Amino acid sequence: MRKSLLSAFLAAGLALSASSASNAAAKTDFDICWTIYAGWMPWEYAAAEGIVDKWASKYGIHIKLTQVNDYVESINQYTAGQFDGCSMTNMDALTIPAAGGVDSTALIVGDFSNGNDGVVLKGTGKTVNDLKGMDVNLVELSVSHYLLARALDSAGLREKDLKVINTSDADIAAAFNTPDVQVVTTWNPMLEEVRSKPGVTQVFDSSRIPGEILDLMVVNTQTLKDNPALGKALTGAWYEVMDLIAGDSPQRTKALEHMAKASGTDLAGFERQLSTTYLFDTPKAALTFVSSAELPRTMDKVASFSFDHGLLGEGAKDSTAVGMSFANEVIVGNRDNLKLRFDPTYVRMAVDGSL
């Protein structure tokens, strides 16, 4: 439930009137929100097993991890300043808090969708080219919408060549069971359900665009600047869990069983979700990714899609309206309006062993 963006975008404008940032100042108590999704379950485990508390205590602070059942609402609350940080996708980070004026930092790039999102057509032997002239059901203005656009790019098609039908994530699998719906674009676990039906073809999935649909832990930039201990503690806790997941000990299985249960599935189901989630399970892997030249190019594509669909705000004149900063002093967009930052400072500390 990490990608229902349309209502989030509409509600964010209301939230922004209340606050343009969280209460940024030196402090000792912090509240971070997250929602259920395979790539974010390590946060639940880190909180439940005292790992977050251990790292927070090391730096003399307290961090509360709050689960918000509705992903949309979690971003709205972060944007309004009710949380110091929140789990969200890269596109949502750009189009909701950043586009709304809340300077935000992608503290941890945890994973990218590597098959968790897909386009499924009824019929065998289908290709992306068969989408021409069809109605496609998806959550409009979500990263599923972005995935569809990228699928069309691969075949030289454009959105004008088909019709998008806005369908909620809760309804999309049931809609595919009706004769009127021939194509859906969705994410797991709904994707697994629809593509398992006989006589269907998955014509495109997110493994074809690796590194473009990212799952992040985003924190308020000013809060992080005033309180570097928050960045150190969160990063330390995250990579302690990643180290456990990357191993093959009995503790790994126990941890995954815990995450599976907390996310409402069993171990087999959770491992299937993880199999299409490319986790950056070491700080070195994450640092390599966030320091790459590819990440700014990816976010430029995301910004272009977002502008074309009106997600950068009424005042945006083009896709460069919101500035984004990256490693090696790379800037994409308006450098006078930097609102989204992919800052490798803390993951580099994890690599160096200086946390």
Protein backbone atom coordinates (compact mmCIF):
# COMPACT_ATOMS: atom_id res chain seq x y z
CA MET A 1 0.00 0.00 0.00
CA ARG A 2 2.88 2.37 -0.73
CA LYS A 3 1.81 4.08 -3.91
CA SER A 4 -1.71 5.55 -3.81
CA LEU A 5 -0.70 9.04 -4.82
CA LEU A 6 -3.68 10.88 -6.28
CA SER A 7 -5.53 11.65 -3.05
CA ALA A 8 -2.22 12.33 -1.32
CA PHE A 9 -1.38 15.02 -3.85
CA LEU A 10 -4.77 16.64 -3.50
CA ALA A 11 -4.69 16.54 0.29
CA ALA A 12 -1.12 17.77 0.55
CA GLY A 13 -2.12 21.29 -0.38
CA LEU A 14 -4.34 21.45 2.66
CA ALA A 15 -1.63 20.07 4.90
CA LEU A 16 0.95 22.56 3.69
CA SER A 17 -1.05 25.50 4.91
CA ALA A 18 -0.47 24.27 8.43
CA SER A 19 3.28 23.97 8.23
CA SER A 20 6.09 24.28 5.69
CA ALA A 21 8.45 22.19 7.82
CA SER A 22 8.54 20.25 11.03
CA ASN A 23 9.68 22.03 14.17
CA ALA A 24 13.33 22.13 13.19
CA ALA A 25 15.59 22.80 16.16
CA ALA A 26 17.97 20.93 18.40
CA LYS A 27 15.90 18.37 20.31
CA THR A 28 16.03 14.86 21.72
CA ASP A 29 12.68 13.31 20.80
CA PHE A 30 11.74 12.36 17.26
CA ASP A 31 8.80 10.64 15.59
CA ILE A 32 9.19 8.71 12.33
CA CYS A 33 6.27 7.19 10.43
CA TRP A 34 6.14 4.18 8.15
CA THR A 35 3.58 2.01 6.38
CA ILE A 36 3.43 -1.70 5.59
CA TYR A 37 5.43 -2.69 2.52
CA ALA A 38 8.07 -5.40 2.12
CA GLY A 39 10.92 -2.93 1.80
CA TRP A 40 9.90 -1.02 4.92
CA MET A 41 9.23 -3.93 7.28
CA PRO A 42 12.81 -3.75 8.58
CA TRP A 43 11.74 -0.55 10.36
CA GLU A 44 9.01 -2.43 12.22
CA TYR A 45 11.48 -5.15 13.18
CA ALA A 46 14.10 -2.62 14.29
CA ALA A 47 11.55 -0.94 16.53
CA ALA A 48 10.06 -4.15 17.96
CA GLU A 49 13.46 -5.71 18.70
CA GLY A 50 14.91 -2.62 20.38
CA ILE A 51 17.45 -1.93 17.64
CA VAL A 52 16.23 1.62 17.09
CA ASP A 53 16.24 2.24 20.84
CA LYS A 54 19.81 0.96 21.09
CA TRP A 55 21.08 3.29 18.39
CA ALA A 56 19.07 6.24 19.64
CA SER A 57 20.44 5.71 23.13
CA LYS A 58 23.96 5.73 21.75
CA TYR A 59 23.40 9.30 20.62
CA GLY A 60 21.36 10.44 23.62
CA ILE A 61 18.05 10.75 21.79
CA HIS A 62 14.71 8.96 21.60
CA ILE A 63 13.09 7.86 18.34
CA LYS A 64 9.50 6.69 18.14
CA LEU A 65 8.50 4.72 15.03
CA THR A 66 4.81 5.11 14.30
CA GLN A 67 2.94 2.87 11.89
CA VAL A 68 0.32 4.74 9.88
CA ASN A 69 -2.13 2.38 8.25
CA ASP A 70 -2.79 4.64 5.28
CA TYR A 71 0.27 5.41 3.15
CA VAL A 72 -1.37 8.53 1.76
CA GLU A 73 -2.07 9.86 5.22
CA SER A 74 1.48 9.16 6.40
CA ILE A 75 2.91 11.48 3.74
CA ASN A 76 0.27 14.11 4.43
CA GLN A 77 1.18 14.09 8.11
CA TYR A 78 4.90 14.28 7.39
CA THR A 79 4.31 17.14 4.97
CA ALA A 80 2.31 18.98 7.63
CA GLY A 81 5.21 18.65 10.07
CA GLN A 82 3.62 16.06 12.36
CA PHE A 83 6.52 13.66 11.80
CA ASP A 84 10.25 14.23 11.46
CA GLY A 85 10.58 11.54 8.81
CA CYS A 86 8.52 9.12 6.77
CA SER A 87 8.88 6.17 4.41
CA MET A 88 7.86 7.00 0.83
CA THR A 89 8.78 6.49 -2.81
CA ASN A 90 11.08 8.80 -4.74
CA MET A 91 8.24 10.13 -6.89
CA ASP A 92 6.06 10.85 -3.90
CA ALA A 93 8.96 12.60 -2.13
CA LEU A 94 9.30 14.91 -5.12
CA THR A 95 5.65 15.57 -5.83
CA ILE A 96 4.22 15.97 -2.33
CA PRO A 97 6.56 17.44 0.33
CA ALA A 98 9.24 18.78 -2.02
CA ALA A 99 6.83 20.25 -4.57
CA GLY A 100 4.85 21.68 -1.67
CA GLY A 101 7.86 23.52 -0.26
CA VAL A 102 9.01 21.15 2.48
CA ASP A 103 12.76 20.68 2.14
CA SER A 104 13.32 16.93 2.50
CA THR A 105 16.30 14.60 2.50
CA ALA A 106 16.36 11.00 1.30
CA LEU A 107 18.38 9.73 4.23
CA ILE A 108 18.23 6.06 3.23
CA VAL A 109 17.58 4.61 -0.22
CA GLY A 110 16.50 1.19 0.93
CA ASP A 111 15.52 -0.62 -2.24
CA PHE A 112 14.07 -0.41 -5.70
CA SER A 113 11.16 -2.28 -7.20
CA ASN A 114 12.59 -5.10 -9.27
CA GLY A 115 9.38 -6.73 -10.46
CA ASN A 116 6.96 -5.63 -7.75
CA ASP A 117 5.10 -3.49 -10.30
CA GLY A 118 3.77 -4.74 -13.63
CA VAL A 119 1.42 -4.38 -16.60
CA VAL A 120 -0.86 -7.36 -17.24
CA LEU A 121 -3.10 -7.99 -20.26
CA LYS A 122 -5.70 -10.66 -20.79
CA GLY A 123 -4.67 -12.99 -23.58
CA THR A 124 -1.53 -14.95 -24.34
CA GLY A 125 1.44 -13.83 -26.39
CA LYS A 126 0.70 -10.16 -25.84
CA THR A 127 3.27 -7.33 -25.94
CA VAL A 128 3.37 -3.69 -24.93
CA ASN A 129 2.37 -2.81 -28.49
CA ASP A 130 -1.01 -4.42 -27.85
CA LEU A 131 -1.80 -1.62 -25.37
CA LYS A 132 -2.55 0.75 -28.24
CA GLY A 133 -6.20 1.77 -28.22
CA MET A 134 -6.97 -0.03 -24.97
CA ASP A 135 -8.31 1.10 -21.60
CA VAL A 136 -5.73 0.58 -18.83
CA ASN A 137 -6.92 0.42 -15.23
CA LEU A 138 -4.49 1.72 -12.62
CA VAL A 139 -4.12 4.09 -9.68
CA GLU A 140 -3.87 7.36 -11.57
CA LEU A 141 -0.86 9.60 -10.83
CA SER A 142 0.85 6.83 -8.89
CA VAL A 143 4.12 5.12 -9.69
CA SER A 144 2.01 2.52 -11.49
CA HIS A 145 1.09 5.36 -13.83
CA TYR A 146 4.80 6.16 -14.15
CA LEU A 147 5.53 2.49 -14.90
CA LEU A 148 2.92 2.49 -17.66
CA ALA A 149 4.52 5.58 -19.19
CA ARG A 150 7.91 3.88 -19.18
CA ALA A 151 6.41 0.74 -20.72
CA LEU A 152 4.92 2.85 -23.51
CA ASP A 153 8.30 4.52 -24.04
CA SER A 154 9.83 1.10 -24.65
CA ALA A 155 7.44 0.52 -27.57
CA GLY A 156 7.44 4.03 -29.01
CA LEU A 157 3.90 4.67 -27.77
CA ARG A 158 2.46 7.57 -25.76
CA GLU A 159 -0.37 7.90 -23.28
CA LYS A 160 -2.53 9.50 -25.98
CA ASP A 161 -2.48 6.09 -27.68
CA LEU A 162 -4.64 4.60 -24.93
CA LYS A 163 -7.00 5.58 -22.11
CA VAL A 164 -6.14 5.48 -18.42
CA ILE A 165 -8.99 4.44 -16.12
CA ASN A 166 -8.43 5.50 -12.50
CA THR A 167 -9.01 2.49 -10.25
CA SER A 168 -8.23 2.23 -6.55
CA ASP A 169 -5.67 -0.29 -5.38
CA ALA A 170 -8.37 -1.97 -3.29
CA ASP A 171 -10.54 -2.57 -6.36
CA ILE A 172 -8.07 -3.34 -9.10
CA ALA A 173 -7.79 -7.11 -8.69
CA ALA A 174 -11.58 -7.49 -8.57
CA ALA A 175 -11.92 -5.25 -11.61
CA PHE A 176 -9.60 -7.53 -13.57
CA ASN A 177 -12.05 -10.36 -12.92
CA THR A 178 -14.73 -8.54 -14.91
CA PRO A 179 -15.01 -8.87 -18.70
CA ASP A 180 -14.82 -5.10 -19.23
CA VAL A 181 -11.31 -4.77 -17.81
CA GLN A 182 -8.62 -6.10 -20.12
CA VAL A 183 -5.46 -4.41 -18.80
CA VAL A 184 -4.23 -3.42 -15.35
CA THR A 185 -1.04 -1.86 -14.06
CA THR A 186 -0.51 -2.56 -10.39
CA TRP A 187 1.88 -3.67 -7.67
CA ASN A 188 2.26 -6.58 -5.28
CA PRO A 189 0.40 -8.30 -3.77
CA MET A 190 -2.34 -7.43 -6.32
CA LEU A 191 0.10 -7.99 -9.18
CA GLU A 192 0.80 -11.53 -8.07
CA GLU A 193 -2.93 -12.20 -7.93
CA VAL A 194 -3.77 -10.92 -11.41
CA ARG A 195 -0.79 -12.37 -13.25
CA SER A 196 -1.44 -15.82 -11.77
CA LYS A 197 -4.74 -16.05 -13.66
CA PRO A 198 -4.81 -18.35 -16.70
CA GLY A 199 -4.62 -16.81 -20.15
CA VAL A 200 -2.91 -13.54 -19.22
CA THR A 201 0.42 -11.96 -20.15
CA GLN A 202 2.60 -9.68 -18.05
CA VAL A 203 4.03 -7.48 -20.78
CA PHE A 204 6.18 -5.17 -18.64
CA ASP A 205 7.40 -4.93 -15.08
CA SER A 206 9.68 -2.77 -12.99
CA SER A 207 12.66 -5.08 -13.49
CA ARG A 208 12.85 -3.47 -16.94
CA ILE A 209 13.51 -0.08 -15.33
CA PRO A 210 15.79 -1.00 -12.42
CA GLY A 211 16.51 1.78 -9.98
CA GLU A 212 13.62 4.01 -11.04
CA ILE A 213 10.96 3.14 -8.44
CA LEU A 214 12.77 3.71 -5.16
CA ASP A 215 11.65 3.21 -1.57
CA LEU A 216 13.14 5.74 0.80
CA MET A 217 13.30 6.95 4.36
CA VAL A 218 12.83 10.70 4.03
CA VAL A 219 13.52 13.18 6.82
CA ASN A 220 12.99 16.91 7.16
CA THR A 221 16.20 18.57 5.98
CA GLN A 222 16.32 21.28 8.63
CA THR A 223 15.58 18.78 11.39
CA LEU A 224 18.44 16.61 10.15
CA LYS A 225 20.78 19.59 9.93
CA ASP A 226 19.97 20.62 13.49
CA ASN A 227 20.07 17.06 14.79
CA PRO A 228 22.68 14.90 13.04
CA ALA A 229 22.23 12.31 15.79
CA LEU A 230 18.89 11.44 14.20
CA GLY A 231 20.55 10.61 10.90
CA LYS A 232 23.25 8.55 12.59
CA ALA A 233 20.84 6.55 14.73
CA LEU A 234 18.40 5.78 11.92
CA THR A 235 21.18 4.80 9.55
CA GLY A 236 22.89 2.62 12.14
CA ALA A 237 19.66 0.83 13.01
CA TRP A 238 18.75 0.25 9.36
CA TYR A 239 22.04 -1.34 8.41
CA GLU A 240 22.09 -3.50 11.50
CA VAL A 241 18.86 -5.07 10.24
CA MET A 242 20.20 -5.23 6.69
CA ASP A 243 23.24 -7.11 7.93
CA LEU A 244 20.95 -9.62 9.58
CA ILE A 245 18.81 -10.05 6.44
CA ALA A 246 21.85 -10.51 4.22
CA GLY A 247 23.13 -13.42 6.29
CA ASP A 248 22.00 -17.02 6.42
CA SER A 249 21.74 -17.58 10.16
CA PRO A 250 18.69 -18.87 12.04
CA GLN A 251 18.28 -15.30 13.28
CA ARG A 252 17.65 -14.22 9.68
CA THR A 253 14.77 -16.65 9.32
CA LYS A 254 13.36 -15.57 12.65
CA ALA A 255 13.56 -11.93 11.62
CA LEU A 256 11.85 -12.58 8.28
CA GLU A 257 9.12 -14.58 10.01
CA HIS A 258 8.57 -11.62 12.32
CA MET A 259 8.34 -9.19 9.39
CA ALA A 260 6.04 -11.51 7.46
CA LYS A 261 3.62 -11.81 10.36
CA ALA A 262 3.68 -8.06 11.00
CA SER A 263 2.87 -7.41 7.33
CA GLY A 264 -0.02 -9.87 7.25
CA THR A 265 1.50 -12.76 5.34
CA ASP A 266 3.56 -15.89 5.95
CA LEU A 267 7.27 -16.44 5.42
CA ALA A 268 6.84 -17.81 1.90
CA GLY A 269 4.65 -14.88 0.90
CA PHE A 270 7.06 -12.35 2.36
CA GLU A 271 10.05 -13.94 0.65
CA ARG A 272 8.20 -13.79 -2.68
CA GLN A 273 7.76 -10.07 -2.16
CA LEU A 274 11.42 -9.68 -1.26
CA SER A 275 12.44 -11.60 -4.38
CA THR A 276 11.12 -8.73 -6.52
CA THR A 277 12.47 -6.06 -4.16
CA TYR A 278 16.12 -5.18 -4.76
CA LEU A 279 17.35 -4.36 -1.27
CA PHE A 280 20.55 -2.42 -0.87
CA ASP A 281 21.53 -4.72 1.94
CA THR A 282 24.94 -3.17 2.59
CA PRO A 283 25.83 0.48 3.05
CA LYS A 284 28.47 0.12 0.34
CA ALA A 285 25.83 -0.97 -2.19
CA ALA A 286 23.60 1.93 -1.22
CA LEU A 287 26.47 4.41 -1.40
CA THR A 288 27.44 3.21 -4.86
CA PHE A 289 23.86 3.68 -6.04
CA VAL A 290 23.24 7.13 -4.55
CA SER A 291 26.64 8.34 -5.80
CA SER A 292 26.03 7.15 -9.35
CA ALA A 293 25.40 9.38 -12.34
CA GLU A 294 22.29 7.33 -13.09
CA LEU A 295 20.28 8.51 -10.07
CA PRO A 296 20.09 12.18 -11.18
CA ARG A 297 19.08 11.02 -14.66
CA THR A 298 16.36 8.85 -13.16
CA MET A 299 14.99 11.68 -11.06
CA ASP A 300 15.01 13.93 -14.12
CA LYS A 301 12.70 11.38 -15.81
CA VAL A 302 10.49 11.31 -12.72
CA ALA A 303 10.34 15.12 -12.69
CA SER A 304 9.37 15.20 -16.37
CA PHE A 305 6.56 12.71 -15.80
CA SER A 306 5.42 14.60 -12.73
CA PHE A 307 5.31 17.95 -14.53
CA ASP A 308 3.48 16.48 -17.52
CA HIS A 309 0.79 15.22 -15.15
CA GLY A 310 0.49 18.42 -13.12
CA LEU A 311 2.13 17.04 -9.98
CA LEU A 312 4.68 19.80 -9.43
CA GLY A 313 2.06 22.40 -8.58
CA GLU A 314 0.15 25.08 -10.46
CA GLY A 315 3.11 27.46 -10.40
CA ALA A 316 5.53 25.03 -12.04
CA LYS A 317 6.53 26.29 -15.48
CA ASP A 318 8.49 23.18 -16.42
CA SER A 319 9.97 20.00 -14.99
CA THR A 320 12.87 21.91 -13.41
CA ALA A 321 10.62 23.78 -10.96
CA VAL A 322 11.77 21.76 -7.95
CA GLY A 323 15.50 21.50 -7.41
CA MET A 324 17.09 18.22 -6.38
CA SER A 325 20.63 17.72 -5.12
CA PHE A 326 22.77 14.60 -5.30
CA ALA A 327 26.24 13.34 -4.43
CA ASN A 328 29.24 15.07 -5.96
CA GLU A 329 27.40 18.43 -5.91
CA VAL A 330 25.13 17.45 -8.80
CA ILE A 331 21.98 19.57 -9.09
CA VAL A 332 18.92 18.77 -11.21
CA GLY A 333 16.29 21.45 -11.57
CA ASN A 334 16.10 24.86 -9.93
CA ARG A 335 19.11 25.32 -7.67
CA ASP A 336 17.33 28.27 -6.04
CA ASN A 337 14.49 25.97 -4.99
CA LEU A 338 16.29 22.89 -3.69
CA LYS A 339 13.67 20.83 -1.89
CA LEU A 340 14.75 17.20 -2.33
CA ARG A 341 18.22 16.03 -1.40
CA PHE A 342 19.82 12.63 -1.89
CA ASP A 343 22.52 13.09 0.75
CA PRO A 344 25.07 10.25 1.06
CA THR A 345 26.66 11.66 4.24
CA TYR A 346 25.22 9.16 6.67
CA VAL A 347 25.44 6.06 4.52
CA ARG A 348 29.10 6.99 3.93
CA MET A 349 29.54 6.98 7.72
CA ALA A 350 28.11 3.46 7.77
CA VAL A 351 30.57 2.42 5.07
CA ASP A 352 33.46 3.98 7.00
CA GLY A 353 32.38 2.41 10.27
CA SER A 354 32.15 5.82 11.90
CA LEU A 355 28.57 5.62 13.16
